[in-house]
Amino acid sequence: MMKIFITMILFGLMMISCSESTDPNYDDEISLIENLGIKDAISKANEWRSTKSNIKSYVTTEELVIQFPDSREVRKNLPSNEMYVAIAPYINTTHTCSEHYISTCKAELVNKEFEVNATIGNNIILNERITSLDNGFFELWLPRNQTINVKVSYMSLTSGETIKTDKNSRTCFTTFKLE
């Protein structure tokens, strides 16, 4: 009789543990992202790239999209006066890209310091040292609806490109070959 009782208790415990969901609950992450400003939300997506790789994120010219494994997603609008661009200068290898996938894009020059200069006509809008992230990209917030000349230097190598920041533009630039 005691064996049957113990067996029933063990069976009941096993059923309870098997019925619990093995999927994590993403309510905290969703709430966090919803309450962050766009720039902080993009920073959090960059952090999640290595700490929560099952959360997918990308940036269009209009919004940040974060997709959770439970099929929910959060969309956050970019500012009306600024556009986000991710740039991955390279020496040997690159990939094609038009929308920057924060969660999966990977570039060659990780955690490297670059001299970055951006101009609109003769006006300098950016002239600073920027370190690439763990994914090999560095991120810029540029004025919208402009044609901007961007020059990148790394050691004795340079590259430049003209970037447009309108709704039909790219957010991922992997074409800056350093020579």
Protein backbone atom coordinates (compact mmCIF):
# COMPACT_ATOMS: atom_id res chain seq x y z
CA MET A 1 0.00 0.00 0.00
CA MET A 2 2.83 2.36 0.88
CA LYS A 3 4.57 1.60 -2.45
CA ILE A 4 1.43 2.50 -4.36
CA PHE A 5 1.06 5.76 -2.41
CA ILE A 6 4.71 6.75 -3.05
CA THR A 7 4.39 5.79 -6.72
CA MET A 8 1.26 7.98 -7.07
CA ILE A 9 3.01 10.93 -5.43
CA LEU A 10 6.05 10.56 -7.67
CA PHE A 11 3.80 10.21 -10.75
CA GLY A 12 1.89 13.34 -9.73
CA LEU A 13 5.09 15.34 -9.25
CA MET A 14 6.36 14.14 -12.61
CA MET A 15 3.12 15.22 -14.31
CA ILE A 16 3.30 18.66 -12.70
CA SER A 17 6.92 19.18 -13.74
CA CYS A 18 6.24 17.98 -17.30
CA SER A 19 3.22 20.23 -17.69
CA GLU A 20 5.15 23.39 -16.85
CA SER A 21 6.15 25.42 -19.85
CA THR A 22 9.79 25.14 -20.85
CA ASP A 23 9.55 28.39 -22.81
CA PRO A 24 10.83 31.40 -20.93
CA ASN A 25 8.45 34.22 -20.29
CA TYR A 26 9.55 37.37 -22.15
CA ASP A 27 7.22 39.79 -20.33
CA ASP A 28 10.12 41.50 -18.51
CA GLU A 29 12.15 41.97 -21.71
CA ILE A 30 9.12 43.27 -23.62
CA SER A 31 8.22 45.68 -20.83
CA LEU A 32 11.81 46.90 -20.65
CA ILE A 33 12.02 47.59 -24.39
CA GLU A 34 8.62 49.26 -24.48
CA ASN A 35 9.74 51.67 -21.75
CA LEU A 36 13.13 52.56 -23.24
CA GLY A 37 13.80 55.38 -25.66
CA ILE A 38 14.80 54.28 -29.16
CA LYS A 39 18.56 54.73 -28.70
CA ASP A 40 18.57 52.82 -25.40
CA ALA A 41 16.37 50.12 -26.96
CA ILE A 42 18.94 49.67 -29.75
CA SER A 43 21.70 49.47 -27.13
CA LYS A 44 19.72 46.78 -25.30
CA ALA A 45 19.26 44.86 -28.58
CA ASN A 46 23.04 45.01 -29.06
CA GLU A 47 23.51 43.60 -25.56
CA TRP A 48 20.97 40.83 -26.17
CA ARG A 49 22.91 39.78 -29.27
CA SER A 50 25.27 37.87 -26.98
CA THR A 51 23.15 37.36 -23.86
CA LYS A 52 19.78 36.42 -25.39
CA SER A 53 20.58 35.24 -28.90
CA ASN A 54 17.07 33.82 -29.39
CA ILE A 55 15.66 37.39 -29.48
CA LYS A 56 15.90 38.76 -33.05
CA SER A 57 16.20 42.44 -33.88
CA TYR A 58 16.66 44.64 -36.92
CA VAL A 59 16.42 48.29 -37.90
CA THR A 60 14.62 49.70 -40.93
CA THR A 61 14.73 53.36 -41.94
CA GLU A 62 11.58 53.90 -39.88
CA GLU A 63 11.72 51.56 -36.88
CA LEU A 64 13.47 49.09 -34.62
CA VAL A 65 11.81 45.66 -34.66
CA ILE A 66 12.44 43.17 -31.87
CA GLN A 67 11.00 39.68 -32.30
CA PHE A 68 10.67 37.33 -29.35
CA PRO A 69 10.65 33.53 -29.57
CA ASP A 70 7.05 33.43 -28.31
CA SER A 71 5.98 35.25 -31.55
CA ARG A 72 5.45 38.63 -29.90
CA GLU A 73 7.29 41.65 -31.22
CA VAL A 74 7.94 45.24 -30.25
CA ARG A 75 8.28 48.00 -32.83
CA LYS A 76 9.74 51.36 -31.90
CA ASN A 77 9.75 54.33 -34.26
CA LEU A 78 13.00 56.07 -35.09
CA PRO A 79 13.07 59.85 -34.64
CA SER A 80 11.62 61.91 -37.48
CA ASN A 81 14.79 64.02 -37.73
CA GLU A 82 17.47 61.31 -37.38
CA MET A 83 18.22 58.05 -39.10
CA TYR A 84 20.17 55.11 -37.74
CA VAL A 85 22.92 53.54 -39.83
CA ALA A 86 25.28 50.70 -38.97
CA ILE A 87 28.64 50.68 -40.74
CA ALA A 88 31.06 47.75 -40.92
CA PRO A 89 34.35 48.76 -42.51
CA TYR A 90 36.35 45.78 -43.73
CA ILE A 91 39.74 44.78 -45.06
CA ASN A 92 39.22 41.21 -46.29
CA THR A 93 35.66 39.97 -45.83
CA THR A 94 32.16 41.43 -45.88
CA HIS A 95 28.57 40.46 -46.62
CA THR A 96 25.71 42.07 -48.48
CA CYS A 97 23.20 43.85 -46.32
CA SER A 98 20.50 46.48 -46.63
CA GLU A 99 18.67 46.38 -43.28
CA HIS A 100 20.87 46.01 -40.22
CA TYR A 101 20.04 42.87 -38.25
CA ILE A 102 21.47 43.69 -34.85
CA SER A 103 20.95 40.12 -33.70
CA THR A 104 22.81 38.42 -36.54
CA CYS A 105 24.98 40.76 -38.64
CA LYS A 106 28.66 40.03 -38.06
CA ALA A 107 31.60 41.91 -39.51
CA GLU A 108 35.36 41.54 -39.66
CA LEU A 109 36.77 44.37 -37.51
CA VAL A 110 35.48 43.78 -33.97
CA ASN A 111 36.20 46.29 -31.18
CA LYS A 112 38.45 48.43 -33.39
CA GLU A 113 38.79 52.20 -33.21
CA PHE A 114 38.02 54.21 -36.34
CA GLU A 115 38.32 57.86 -37.25
CA VAL A 116 34.93 58.82 -38.68
CA ASN A 117 34.22 62.02 -40.56
CA ALA A 118 30.82 62.92 -42.00
CA THR A 119 29.99 66.00 -44.05
CA ILE A 120 27.01 67.52 -45.78
CA GLY A 121 28.49 69.65 -48.51
CA ASN A 122 31.31 71.56 -46.81
CA ASN A 123 29.76 71.30 -43.35
CA ILE A 124 31.30 68.79 -40.95
CA ILE A 125 28.55 67.07 -38.97
CA LEU A 126 30.72 64.40 -37.34
CA ASN A 127 34.44 64.11 -36.71
CA GLU A 128 35.30 61.62 -33.97
CA ARG A 129 36.86 58.33 -32.97
CA ILE A 130 34.35 55.52 -32.75
CA THR A 131 34.96 51.95 -31.61
CA SER A 132 33.14 49.13 -33.36
CA LEU A 133 30.93 46.86 -31.31
CA ASP A 134 31.36 43.13 -30.69
CA ASN A 135 29.66 42.52 -34.05
CA GLY A 136 32.19 44.64 -36.00
CA PHE A 137 29.75 47.50 -36.71
CA PHE A 138 29.63 51.02 -35.40
CA GLU A 139 26.39 52.94 -35.31
CA LEU A 140 25.66 56.52 -36.33
CA TRP A 141 22.63 58.74 -35.95
CA LEU A 142 22.57 61.01 -39.00
CA PRO A 143 20.19 63.80 -40.04
CA ARG A 144 17.31 62.57 -42.15
CA ASN A 145 16.71 63.37 -45.81
CA GLN A 146 20.32 64.28 -46.50
CA THR A 147 23.15 63.14 -48.72
CA ILE A 148 26.11 62.62 -46.42
CA ASN A 149 29.73 61.87 -47.28
CA VAL A 150 31.22 59.49 -44.73
CA LYS A 151 34.94 58.81 -44.51
CA VAL A 152 36.36 56.07 -42.29
CA SER A 153 40.03 55.61 -41.39
CA TYR A 154 41.64 52.69 -39.61
CA MET A 155 45.39 52.73 -39.08
CA SER A 156 46.71 53.88 -42.47
CA LEU A 157 43.67 52.60 -44.41
CA THR A 158 40.67 54.67 -45.52
CA SER A 159 37.33 54.28 -47.21
CA GLY A 160 34.50 56.62 -48.07
CA GLU A 161 30.98 56.47 -49.30
CA THR A 162 27.99 58.71 -49.87
CA ILE A 163 25.01 57.79 -47.72
CA LYS A 164 21.46 58.95 -48.26
CA THR A 165 19.21 59.11 -45.23
CA ASP A 166 15.71 58.95 -46.66
CA LYS A 167 12.99 56.32 -46.30
CA ASN A 168 14.39 54.31 -49.24
CA SER A 169 17.92 54.13 -47.84
CA ARG A 170 19.81 51.26 -46.27
CA THR A 171 20.52 50.99 -42.55
CA CYS A 172 23.36 48.50 -43.02
CA PHE A 173 26.55 49.53 -44.80
CA THR A 174 29.07 46.75 -45.41
CA THR A 175 30.69 48.33 -48.46
CA PHE A 176 33.39 50.44 -46.77
CA LYS A 177 36.50 48.56 -48.03
CA LEU A 178 39.54 49.92 -46.27
CA GLU A 179 42.53 50.35 -48.60
